[in-house]
């Protein structure tokens, strides 16, 4: 749409609606997990970068944590390295971990940094190994079938979980008006690298920073009820009930659990938003409508 075709009154109304949100969130930290369609479709990629820069310009401190599973799979295929999965997690031997680090810490991370910088921001790309930000440990995966008397422990290699987060580097960069862009790679005390789920990393970073918001971009409209209607606003108690009755299940469960843990851990609100919508981040922060599910600890 050209500037000539925009109704000036609509533009003014949009800016007016955004003003109280800008005032409310200025100086606050928002952690955004970036992935899915928003990371692969050109128009969505461009709008995401502009959204992040605009947030910084109005005084919000965005921290971006990104995934990159499809890009890892593509490079492994080109290198004729087989991809194997256990419970939805990629089995990661030392050779595969080298590829993960190349893709997440190099190709994907620097691409996002470049996009934000081209949109007028000042982004810095990091992995959790920089400054020992993300201390990791190997993820234990258990499998048990009915005939087994005890669960089997499956070794899936360099797949990790967060042990602790150091925020010193992130806070230093934010104070100097840089936008941290973080690849979800952690390191243990022995110096071994681990690939960690990006939603989990984003949630733990949001907790450690005492962030105002955690935003998880997804490829769905939000959390749905049994009638396939989007649940736009939920308390932690309501989410617990939806997990207990089976409404939240399957692939959405880990993402919701991550958001739930973050809010219970001190993050003011968590948002599961539809990353397929252009400018989804700004719509969720600066408008009354939003584009997904909001989870708070309000009773």
C-alpha atoms as a PDB file:
ATOM      1  CA  UNK A   1       0.000   0.000   0.000  1.00  0.00           C
ATOM      2  CA  UNK A   2       1.412   3.415  -1.001  1.00  0.00           C
ATOM      3  CA  UNK A   3       1.535   6.298   1.447  1.00  0.00           C
ATOM      4  CA  UNK A   4      -0.994   8.164  -0.712  1.00  0.00           C
ATOM      5  CA  UNK A   5      -3.582   5.400  -0.299  1.00  0.00           C
ATOM      6  CA  UNK A   6      -3.386   5.302   3.505  1.00  0.00           C
ATOM      7  CA  UNK A   7      -6.130   7.086   5.438  1.00  0.00           C
ATOM      8  CA  UNK A   8      -4.306   9.636   7.620  1.00  0.00           C
ATOM      9  CA  UNK A   9      -6.994   9.284  10.297  1.00  0.00           C
ATOM     10  CA  UNK A  10      -6.335   5.525  10.521  1.00  0.00           C
ATOM     11  CA  UNK A  11      -2.592   6.145  10.862  1.00  0.00           C
ATOM     12  CA  UNK A  12      -3.197   8.632  13.681  1.00  0.00           C
ATOM     13  CA  UNK A  13      -5.565   6.222  15.452  1.00  0.00           C
ATOM     14  CA  UNK A  14      -2.996   3.415  15.252  1.00  0.00           C
ATOM     15  CA  UNK A  15      -0.266   5.616  16.699  1.00  0.00           C
ATOM     16  CA  UNK A  16      -2.609   6.840  19.421  1.00  0.00           C
ATOM     17  CA  UNK A  17      -3.522   3.267  20.372  1.00  0.00           C
ATOM     18  CA  UNK A  18       0.164   2.339  20.575  1.00  0.00           C
ATOM     19  CA  UNK A  19       1.157   5.270  22.822  1.00  0.00           C
ATOM     20  CA  UNK A  20       0.097   3.847  26.223  1.00  0.00           C
ATOM     21  CA  UNK A  21       1.827   0.555  25.417  1.00  0.00           C
ATOM     22  CA  UNK A  22       5.028   2.379  24.444  1.00  0.00           C
ATOM     23  CA  UNK A  23       4.896   4.293  27.716  1.00  0.00           C
ATOM     24  CA  UNK A  24       4.192   1.127  29.715  1.00  0.00           C
ATOM     25  CA  UNK A  25       6.983  -0.964  28.216  1.00  0.00           C
ATOM     26  CA  UNK A  26       9.722   1.631  27.701  1.00  0.00           C
ATOM     27  CA  UNK A  27      12.847   0.469  29.508  1.00  0.00           C
ATOM     28  CA  UNK A  28      11.520  -3.088  29.858  1.00  0.00           C
ATOM     29  CA  UNK A  29      13.033  -6.262  28.366  1.00  0.00           C
ATOM     30  CA  UNK A  30      11.168  -8.439  25.878  1.00  0.00           C
ATOM     31  CA  UNK A  31      12.609 -11.821  24.889  1.00  0.00           C
ATOM     32  CA  UNK A  32      11.478 -13.027  21.461  1.00  0.00           C
ATOM     33  CA  UNK A  33      11.933 -16.573  20.211  1.00  0.00           C
ATOM     34  CA  UNK A  34      12.204 -16.403  16.424  1.00  0.00           C
ATOM     35  CA  UNK A  35      11.536 -19.407  14.202  1.00  0.00           C
ATOM     36  CA  UNK A  36       9.043 -21.197  11.954  1.00  0.00           C
ATOM     37  CA  UNK A  37       7.467 -19.465   8.959  1.00  0.00           C
ATOM     38  CA  UNK A  38       8.617 -16.080  10.252  1.00  0.00           C
ATOM     39  CA  UNK A  39      12.185 -17.230   9.611  1.00  0.00           C
ATOM     40  CA  UNK A  40      11.663 -18.684   6.119  1.00  0.00           C
ATOM     41  CA  UNK A  41       9.243 -16.388   4.231  1.00  0.00           C
ATOM     42  CA  UNK A  42      10.806 -13.224   2.790  1.00  0.00           C
ATOM     43  CA  UNK A  43       8.029 -10.767   3.696  1.00  0.00           C
ATOM     44  CA  UNK A  44       7.840 -12.130   7.237  1.00  0.00           C
ATOM     45  CA  UNK A  45      11.620 -12.018   7.656  1.00  0.00           C
ATOM     46  CA  UNK A  46      11.698  -8.346   6.660  1.00  0.00           C
ATOM     47  CA  UNK A  47       8.770  -7.409   8.908  1.00  0.00           C
ATOM     48  CA  UNK A  48      10.334  -9.219  11.882  1.00  0.00           C
ATOM     49  CA  UNK A  49      13.598  -7.298  11.564  1.00  0.00           C
ATOM     50  CA  UNK A  50      11.748  -3.968  11.317  1.00  0.00           C
ATOM     51  CA  UNK A  51       9.620  -4.899  14.353  1.00  0.00           C
ATOM     52  CA  UNK A  52      12.698  -5.568  16.474  1.00  0.00           C
ATOM     53  CA  UNK A  53      14.343  -2.297  15.438  1.00  0.00           C
ATOM     54  CA  UNK A  54      11.186  -0.299  16.144  1.00  0.00           C
ATOM     55  CA  UNK A  55      10.935  -1.848  19.614  1.00  0.00           C
ATOM     56  CA  UNK A  56      14.474  -0.696  20.367  1.00  0.00           C
ATOM     57  CA  UNK A  57      13.792   2.787  18.976  1.00  0.00           C
ATOM     58  CA  UNK A  58      10.844   3.330  21.341  1.00  0.00           C
ATOM     59  CA  UNK A  59      12.874   2.307  24.391  1.00  0.00           C
ATOM     60  CA  UNK A  60      12.137  -1.409  24.727  1.00  0.00           C
ATOM     61  CA  UNK A  61      15.089  -3.801  25.054  1.00  0.00           C
ATOM     62  CA  UNK A  62      14.472  -6.768  22.727  1.00  0.00           C
ATOM     63  CA  UNK A  63      16.518  -9.961  23.082  1.00  0.00           C
ATOM     64  CA  UNK A  64      16.184 -12.417  20.188  1.00  0.00           C
ATOM     65  CA  UNK A  65      16.666 -16.177  20.583  1.00  0.00           C
ATOM     66  CA  UNK A  66      16.407 -18.153  17.355  1.00  0.00           C
ATOM     67  CA  UNK A  67      15.991 -21.710  16.187  1.00  0.00           C
ATOM     68  CA  UNK A  68      17.102 -23.276  12.916  1.00  0.00           C
ATOM     69  CA  UNK A  69      16.049 -26.928  12.753  1.00  0.00           C
ATOM     70  CA  UNK A  70      15.102 -26.962   9.041  1.00  0.00           C
ATOM     71  CA  UNK A  71      18.371 -25.243   8.090  1.00  0.00           C
ATOM     72  CA  UNK A  72      20.337 -27.825  10.111  1.00  0.00           C
ATOM     73  CA  UNK A  73      18.465 -30.634   8.364  1.00  0.00           C
ATOM     74  CA  UNK A  74      19.175 -29.148   4.930  1.00  0.00           C
ATOM     75  CA  UNK A  75      22.937 -28.942   5.509  1.00  0.00           C
ATOM     76  CA  UNK A  76      23.097 -32.429   7.036  1.00  0.00           C
ATOM     77  CA  UNK A  77      21.356 -33.777   3.923  1.00  0.00           C
ATOM     78  CA  UNK A  78      23.830 -31.996   1.653  1.00  0.00           C
ATOM     79  CA  UNK A  79      26.689 -33.532   3.643  1.00  0.00           C
ATOM     80  CA  UNK A  80      25.029 -36.987   3.467  1.00  0.00           C
ATOM     81  CA  UNK A  81      24.731 -37.140   7.244  1.00  0.00           C
ATOM     82  CA  UNK A  82      21.606 -38.989   8.352  1.00  0.00           C
ATOM     83  CA  UNK A  83      19.145 -37.178  10.625  1.00  0.00           C
ATOM     84  CA  UNK A  84      17.656 -39.370  13.364  1.00  0.00           C
ATOM     85  CA  UNK A  85      15.094 -38.279  15.943  1.00  0.00           C
ATOM     86  CA  UNK A  86      14.044 -39.607  19.345  1.00  0.00           C
ATOM     87  CA  UNK A  87      10.878 -38.120  20.866  1.00  0.00           C
ATOM     88  CA  UNK A  88      11.111 -35.283  18.344  1.00  0.00           C
ATOM     89  CA  UNK A  89      14.720 -34.429  19.265  1.00  0.00           C
ATOM     90  CA  UNK A  90      17.601 -34.724  16.831  1.00  0.00           C
ATOM     91  CA  UNK A  91      20.188 -37.324  17.812  1.00  0.00           C
ATOM     92  CA  UNK A  92      23.362 -35.238  17.859  1.00  0.00           C
ATOM     93  CA  UNK A  93      26.755 -36.951  17.714  1.00  0.00           C
ATOM     94  CA  UNK A  94      29.989 -34.949  17.554  1.00  0.00           C
ATOM     95  CA  UNK A  95      29.867 -34.653  13.748  1.00  0.00           C
ATOM     96  CA  UNK A  96      26.255 -33.474  13.805  1.00  0.00           C
ATOM     97  CA  UNK A  97      27.055 -31.003  16.604  1.00  0.00           C
ATOM     98  CA  UNK A  98      29.723 -29.443  14.388  1.00  0.00           C
ATOM     99  CA  UNK A  99      27.045 -28.847  11.751  1.00  0.00           C
ATOM    100  CA  UNK A 100      24.621 -27.489  14.365  1.00  0.00           C
ATOM    101  CA  UNK A 101      27.212 -24.950  15.501  1.00  0.00           C
ATOM    102  CA  UNK A 102      28.000 -23.932  11.916  1.00  0.00           C
ATOM    103  CA  UNK A 103      24.330 -23.424  11.068  1.00  0.00           C
ATOM    104  CA  UNK A 104      22.992 -21.898  14.301  1.00  0.00           C
ATOM    105  CA  UNK A 105      26.062 -19.945  15.405  1.00  0.00           C
ATOM    106  CA  UNK A 106      27.119 -18.987  11.890  1.00  0.00           C
ATOM    107  CA  UNK A 107      24.710 -19.039   8.954  1.00  0.00           C
ATOM    108  CA  UNK A 108      21.385 -18.426  10.723  1.00  0.00           C
ATOM    109  CA  UNK A 109      22.657 -16.171  13.498  1.00  0.00           C
ATOM    110  CA  UNK A 110      24.596 -13.841  11.225  1.00  0.00           C
ATOM    111  CA  UNK A 111      21.733 -13.699   8.731  1.00  0.00           C
ATOM    112  CA  UNK A 112      19.387 -12.409  11.448  1.00  0.00           C
ATOM    113  CA  UNK A 113      22.021  -9.961  12.694  1.00  0.00           C
ATOM    114  CA  UNK A 114      22.489  -8.630   9.170  1.00  0.00           C
ATOM    115  CA  UNK A 115      18.736  -8.202   8.616  1.00  0.00           C
ATOM    116  CA  UNK A 116      18.313  -6.220  11.837  1.00  0.00           C
ATOM    117  CA  UNK A 117      21.329  -4.066  11.025  1.00  0.00           C
ATOM    118  CA  UNK A 118      20.051  -3.432   7.484  1.00  0.00           C
ATOM    119  CA  UNK A 119      16.790  -2.230   9.048  1.00  0.00           C
ATOM    120  CA  UNK A 120      18.661   0.366  11.097  1.00  0.00           C
ATOM    121  CA  UNK A 121      19.360  -1.563  14.302  1.00  0.00           C
ATOM    122  CA  UNK A 122      22.609  -2.532  16.010  1.00  0.00           C
ATOM    123  CA  UNK A 123      22.502  -6.298  16.477  1.00  0.00           C
ATOM    124  CA  UNK A 124      25.238  -8.514  17.906  1.00  0.00           C
ATOM    125  CA  UNK A 125      25.213 -12.263  17.264  1.00  0.00           C
ATOM    126  CA  UNK A 126      26.095 -14.658  20.080  1.00  0.00           C
ATOM    127  CA  UNK A 127      25.821 -18.273  21.113  1.00  0.00           C
ATOM    128  CA  UNK A 128      25.392 -19.416  24.673  1.00  0.00           C
ATOM    129  CA  UNK A 129      29.108 -20.214  24.685  1.00  0.00           C
ATOM    130  CA  UNK A 130      30.038 -16.523  24.424  1.00  0.00           C
ATOM    131  CA  UNK A 131      30.687 -15.278  27.926  1.00  0.00           C
ATOM    132  CA  UNK A 132      29.531 -18.708  29.164  1.00  0.00           C
ATOM    133  CA  UNK A 133      25.987 -17.311  29.049  1.00  0.00           C
ATOM    134  CA  UNK A 134      24.233 -20.676  28.846  1.00  0.00           C
ATOM    135  CA  UNK A 135      25.588 -23.377  31.142  1.00  0.00           C
ATOM    136  CA  UNK A 136      24.204 -26.686  29.908  1.00  0.00           C
ATOM    137  CA  UNK A 137      24.015 -30.327  30.851  1.00  0.00           C
ATOM    138  CA  UNK A 138      23.171 -33.353  28.740  1.00  0.00           C
ATOM    139  CA  UNK A 139      19.459 -34.017  28.413  1.00  0.00           C
ATOM    140  CA  UNK A 140      18.413 -37.410  29.800  1.00  0.00           C
ATOM    141  CA  UNK A 141      15.832 -39.102  27.596  1.00  0.00           C
ATOM    142  CA  UNK A 142      13.881 -42.024  29.020  1.00  0.00           C
ATOM    143  CA  UNK A 143      11.851 -44.596  27.128  1.00  0.00           C
ATOM    144  CA  UNK A 144       9.617 -47.224  28.674  1.00  0.00           C
ATOM    145  CA  UNK A 145       7.308 -49.731  27.022  1.00  0.00           C
ATOM    146  CA  UNK A 146       4.675 -51.769  28.929  1.00  0.00           C
ATOM    147  CA  UNK A 147       6.850 -54.886  29.042  1.00  0.00           C
ATOM    148  CA  UNK A 148       9.817 -53.038  30.576  1.00  0.00           C
ATOM    149  CA  UNK A 149      10.291 -53.059  34.362  1.00  0.00           C
ATOM    150  CA  UNK A 150      12.398 -49.889  34.308  1.00  0.00           C
ATOM    151  CA  UNK A 151      12.801 -47.038  31.819  1.00  0.00           C
ATOM    152  CA  UNK A 152      15.605 -47.202  29.287  1.00  0.00           C
ATOM    153  CA  UNK A 153      17.993 -44.224  29.199  1.00  0.00           C
ATOM    154  CA  UNK A 154      18.645 -43.239  25.577  1.00  0.00           C
ATOM    155  CA  UNK A 155      21.823 -41.351  24.749  1.00  0.00           C
ATOM    156  CA  UNK A 156      20.984 -38.744  22.089  1.00  0.00           C
ATOM    157  CA  UNK A 157      24.400 -37.123  22.270  1.00  0.00           C
ATOM    158  CA  UNK A 158      24.931 -33.382  22.360  1.00  0.00           C
ATOM    159  CA  UNK A 159      21.337 -32.437  23.129  1.00  0.00           C
ATOM    160  CA  UNK A 160      21.174 -30.394  26.281  1.00  0.00           C
ATOM    161  CA  UNK A 161      19.041 -28.567  28.772  1.00  0.00           C
ATOM    162  CA  UNK A 162      19.719 -25.318  30.591  1.00  0.00           C
ATOM    163  CA  UNK A 163      21.508 -25.593  33.909  1.00  0.00           C
ATOM    164  CA  UNK A 164      21.986 -21.847  34.468  1.00  0.00           C
ATOM    165  CA  UNK A 165      21.980 -18.503  32.636  1.00  0.00           C
ATOM    166  CA  UNK A 166      24.453 -15.649  33.036  1.00  0.00           C
ATOM    167  CA  UNK A 167      22.957 -12.317  31.973  1.00  0.00           C
ATOM    168  CA  UNK A 168      26.042 -10.086  32.310  1.00  0.00           C
ATOM    169  CA  UNK A 169      26.833  -9.975  28.583  1.00  0.00           C
ATOM    170  CA  UNK A 170      23.212  -9.499  27.503  1.00  0.00           C
ATOM    171  CA  UNK A 171      22.697  -6.656  29.963  1.00  0.00           C
ATOM    172  CA  UNK A 172      25.941  -4.964  28.934  1.00  0.00           C
ATOM    173  CA  UNK A 173      24.957  -5.061  25.249  1.00  0.00           C
ATOM    174  CA  UNK A 174      21.427  -3.813  25.923  1.00  0.00           C
ATOM    175  CA  UNK A 175      22.797  -0.909  27.967  1.00  0.00           C
ATOM    176  CA  UNK A 176      24.935   0.108  24.956  1.00  0.00           C
ATOM    177  CA  UNK A 177      21.864   0.006  22.664  1.00  0.00           C
ATOM    178  CA  UNK A 178      22.812  -3.265  20.979  1.00  0.00           C
ATOM    179  CA  UNK A 179      20.254  -5.975  20.241  1.00  0.00           C
ATOM    180  CA  UNK A 180      21.512  -9.436  21.327  1.00  0.00           C
ATOM    181  CA  UNK A 181      20.704 -12.257  18.893  1.00  0.00           C
ATOM    182  CA  UNK A 182      21.371 -15.569  20.611  1.00  0.00           C
ATOM    183  CA  UNK A 183      21.793 -19.067  19.144  1.00  0.00           C
ATOM    184  CA  UNK A 184      20.633 -21.803  21.571  1.00  0.00           C
ATOM    185  CA  UNK A 185      23.976 -23.539  22.051  1.00  0.00           C
ATOM    186  CA  UNK A 186      25.160 -24.142  25.599  1.00  0.00           C
ATOM    187  CA  UNK A 187      28.368 -25.415  27.144  1.00  0.00           C
ATOM    188  CA  UNK A 188      29.046 -27.608  30.176  1.00  0.00           C
ATOM    189  CA  UNK A 189      31.816 -27.290  32.742  1.00  0.00           C
ATOM    190  CA  UNK A 190      34.073 -29.552  30.666  1.00  0.00           C
ATOM    191  CA  UNK A 191      33.642 -27.345  27.585  1.00  0.00           C
ATOM    192  CA  UNK A 192      31.329 -29.692  25.647  1.00  0.00           C
ATOM    193  CA  UNK A 193      28.772 -28.011  23.392  1.00  0.00           C
ATOM    194  CA  UNK A 194      25.046 -28.804  23.475  1.00  0.00           C
ATOM    195  CA  UNK A 195      22.156 -28.021  21.162  1.00  0.00           C
ATOM    196  CA  UNK A 196      19.194 -26.852  23.262  1.00  0.00           C
ATOM    197  CA  UNK A 197      15.565 -26.265  22.277  1.00  0.00           C
ATOM    198  CA  UNK A 198      15.233 -22.565  21.399  1.00  0.00           C
ATOM    199  CA  UNK A 199      11.878 -22.148  23.199  1.00  0.00           C
ATOM    200  CA  UNK A 200      13.453 -23.497  26.380  1.00  0.00           C
ATOM    201  CA  UNK A 201      16.464 -21.184  26.067  1.00  0.00           C
ATOM    202  CA  UNK A 202      14.237 -18.159  25.427  1.00  0.00           C
ATOM    203  CA  UNK A 203      12.132 -18.965  28.484  1.00  0.00           C
ATOM    204  CA  UNK A 204      15.134 -19.405  30.776  1.00  0.00           C
ATOM    205  CA  UNK A 205      16.766 -16.200  29.500  1.00  0.00           C
ATOM    206  CA  UNK A 206      13.492 -14.328  30.074  1.00  0.00           C
ATOM    207  CA  UNK A 207      13.381 -15.641  33.645  1.00  0.00           C
ATOM    208  CA  UNK A 208      17.019 -14.715  34.318  1.00  0.00           C
ATOM    209  CA  UNK A 209      16.501 -11.195  32.945  1.00  0.00           C
ATOM    210  CA  UNK A 210      13.227 -10.785  34.861  1.00  0.00           C
ATOM    211  CA  UNK A 211      11.772  -9.816  31.492  1.00  0.00           C
ATOM    212  CA  UNK A 212       8.486  -8.021  31.008  1.00  0.00           C
ATOM    213  CA  UNK A 213       7.472 -10.404  28.229  1.00  0.00           C
ATOM    214  CA  UNK A 214       8.397 -13.700  26.596  1.00  0.00           C
ATOM    215  CA  UNK A 215       7.145 -13.996  23.017  1.00  0.00           C
ATOM    216  CA  UNK A 216       7.223 -17.366  21.236  1.00  0.00           C
ATOM    217  CA  UNK A 217       6.555 -17.185  17.493  1.00  0.00           C
ATOM    218  CA  UNK A 218       4.740 -20.271  16.178  1.00  0.00           C
ATOM    219  CA  UNK A 219       3.130 -21.557  12.989  1.00  0.00           C
ATOM    220  CA  UNK A 220      -0.362 -21.642  14.508  1.00  0.00           C
ATOM    221  CA  UNK A 221      -2.877 -18.950  15.477  1.00  0.00           C
ATOM    222  CA  UNK A 222      -2.310 -19.606  19.187  1.00  0.00           C
ATOM    223  CA  UNK A 223      -3.478 -22.073  21.802  1.00  0.00           C
ATOM    224  CA  UNK A 224      -6.761 -23.660  20.740  1.00  0.00           C
ATOM    225  CA  UNK A 225      -9.597 -25.103  22.808  1.00  0.00           C
ATOM    226  CA  UNK A 226     -11.554 -28.269  21.919  1.00  0.00           C
ATOM    227  CA  UNK A 227     -13.695 -26.224  19.480  1.00  0.00           C
ATOM    228  CA  UNK A 228     -10.572 -24.968  17.625  1.00  0.00           C
ATOM    229  CA  UNK A 229     -11.078 -21.462  18.955  1.00  0.00           C
ATOM    230  CA  UNK A 230      -8.023 -19.399  19.941  1.00  0.00           C
ATOM    231  CA  UNK A 231      -7.763 -18.838  23.688  1.00  0.00           C
ATOM    232  CA  UNK A 232      -6.563 -15.248  23.821  1.00  0.00           C
ATOM    233  CA  UNK A 233      -6.031 -14.701  27.545  1.00  0.00           C
ATOM    234  CA  UNK A 234      -5.215 -17.317  30.191  1.00  0.00           C
ATOM    235  CA  UNK A 235      -3.923 -17.429  33.740  1.00  0.00           C
ATOM    236  CA  UNK A 236      -1.292 -19.948  34.808  1.00  0.00           C
ATOM    237  CA  UNK A 237      -3.975 -21.819  36.762  1.00  0.00           C
ATOM    238  CA  UNK A 238      -6.151 -22.110  33.647  1.00  0.00           C
ATOM    239  CA  UNK A 239      -3.181 -23.388  31.623  1.00  0.00           C
ATOM    240  CA  UNK A 240      -2.457 -26.000  34.304  1.00  0.00           C
ATOM    241  CA  UNK A 241      -6.084 -27.147  34.043  1.00  0.00           C
ATOM    242  CA  UNK A 242      -5.923 -27.358  30.230  1.00  0.00           C
ATOM    243  CA  UNK A 243      -2.787 -29.504  30.477  1.00  0.00           C
ATOM    244  CA  UNK A 244      -4.432 -31.743  33.077  1.00  0.00           C
ATOM    245  CA  UNK A 245      -7.579 -32.340  31.007  1.00  0.00           C
ATOM    246  CA  UNK A 246      -5.623 -33.039  27.808  1.00  0.00           C
ATOM    247  CA  UNK A 247      -6.704 -29.943  25.857  1.00  0.00           C
ATOM    248  CA  UNK A 248      -3.045 -29.004  25.533  1.00  0.00           C
ATOM    249  CA  UNK A 249      -1.181 -31.982  24.124  1.00  0.00           C
ATOM    250  CA  UNK A 250       1.270 -33.126  21.472  1.00  0.00           C
ATOM    251  CA  UNK A 251       3.694 -30.662  19.907  1.00  0.00           C
ATOM    252  CA  UNK A 252       2.119 -27.620  21.577  1.00  0.00           C
ATOM    253  CA  UNK A 253       2.681 -28.984  25.086  1.00  0.00           C
ATOM    254  CA  UNK A 254       6.449 -28.283  25.366  1.00  0.00           C
ATOM    255  CA  UNK A 255       5.991 -24.735  24.049  1.00  0.00           C
ATOM    256  CA  UNK A 256       3.145 -23.993  26.462  1.00  0.00           C
ATOM    257  CA  UNK A 257       5.075 -25.567  29.338  1.00  0.00           C
ATOM    258  CA  UNK A 258       8.025 -23.305  28.537  1.00  0.00           C
ATOM    259  CA  UNK A 259       5.770 -20.223  28.590  1.00  0.00           C
ATOM    260  CA  UNK A 260       4.066 -21.400  31.777  1.00  0.00           C
ATOM    261  CA  UNK A 261       7.382 -21.984  33.561  1.00  0.00           C
ATOM    262  CA  UNK A 262       8.616 -18.526  32.546  1.00  0.00           C
ATOM    263  CA  UNK A 263       5.563 -16.768  33.979  1.00  0.00           C
ATOM    264  CA  UNK A 264       5.736 -18.824  37.171  1.00  0.00           C
ATOM    265  CA  UNK A 265       9.444 -17.927  37.286  1.00  0.00           C
ATOM    266  CA  UNK A 266       8.784 -14.183  37.354  1.00  0.00           C
ATOM    267  CA  UNK A 267       8.242 -13.094  33.734  1.00  0.00           C
ATOM    268  CA  UNK A 268       5.254 -10.745  33.689  1.00  0.00           C
ATOM    269  CA  UNK A 269       3.566 -12.353  30.673  1.00  0.00           C
ATOM    270  CA  UNK A 270       4.185 -14.925  27.966  1.00  0.00           C
ATOM    271  CA  UNK A 271       2.727 -14.786  24.467  1.00  0.00           C
ATOM    272  CA  UNK A 272       2.243 -17.613  21.982  1.00  0.00           C
ATOM    273  CA  UNK A 273       1.858 -15.639  18.750  1.00  0.00           C
ATOM    274  CA  UNK A 274       1.201 -16.440  15.119  1.00  0.00           C
ATOM    275  CA  UNK A 275       4.471 -15.794  13.327  1.00  0.00           C
ATOM    276  CA  UNK A 276       2.730 -16.196   9.960  1.00  0.00           C
ATOM    277  CA  UNK A 277       1.102 -12.778  10.448  1.00  0.00           C
ATOM    278  CA  UNK A 278       3.201  -9.839   9.182  1.00  0.00           C
ATOM    279  CA  UNK A 279       4.347  -7.581  12.043  1.00  0.00           C
ATOM    280  CA  UNK A 280       2.997 -10.093  14.578  1.00  0.00           C
ATOM    281  CA  UNK A 281       5.395  -8.881  17.282  1.00  0.00           C
ATOM    282  CA  UNK A 282       4.225  -5.265  17.075  1.00  0.00           C
ATOM    283  CA  UNK A 283       0.571  -6.256  16.838  1.00  0.00           C
ATOM    284  CA  UNK A 284       0.861  -8.240  20.053  1.00  0.00           C
ATOM    285  CA  UNK A 285       2.732  -5.540  21.987  1.00  0.00           C
ATOM    286  CA  UNK A 286       1.187  -2.305  20.726  1.00  0.00           C
ATOM    287  CA  UNK A 287      -2.465  -3.058  19.905  1.00  0.00           C
ATOM    288  CA  UNK A 288      -5.523  -4.036  21.906  1.00  0.00           C
ATOM    289  CA  UNK A 289      -6.299  -7.038  19.691  1.00  0.00           C
ATOM    290  CA  UNK A 290      -3.052  -9.047  19.610  1.00  0.00           C
ATOM    291  CA  UNK A 291      -2.453 -12.124  17.467  1.00  0.00           C
ATOM    292  CA  UNK A 292      -2.236 -15.104  19.776  1.00  0.00           C
ATOM    293  CA  UNK A 293      -2.493 -16.403  23.335  1.00  0.00           C
ATOM    294  CA  UNK A 294      -1.441 -14.366  26.375  1.00  0.00           C
ATOM    295  CA  UNK A 295      -0.500 -16.144  29.612  1.00  0.00           C
ATOM    296  CA  UNK A 296      -0.174 -14.227  32.880  1.00  0.00           C
ATOM    297  CA  UNK A 297      -0.042 -15.062  36.576  1.00  0.00           C
ATOM    298  CA  UNK A 298      -3.054 -12.841  37.292  1.00  0.00           C
ATOM    299  CA  UNK A 299      -5.725 -14.523  39.384  1.00  0.00           C
END
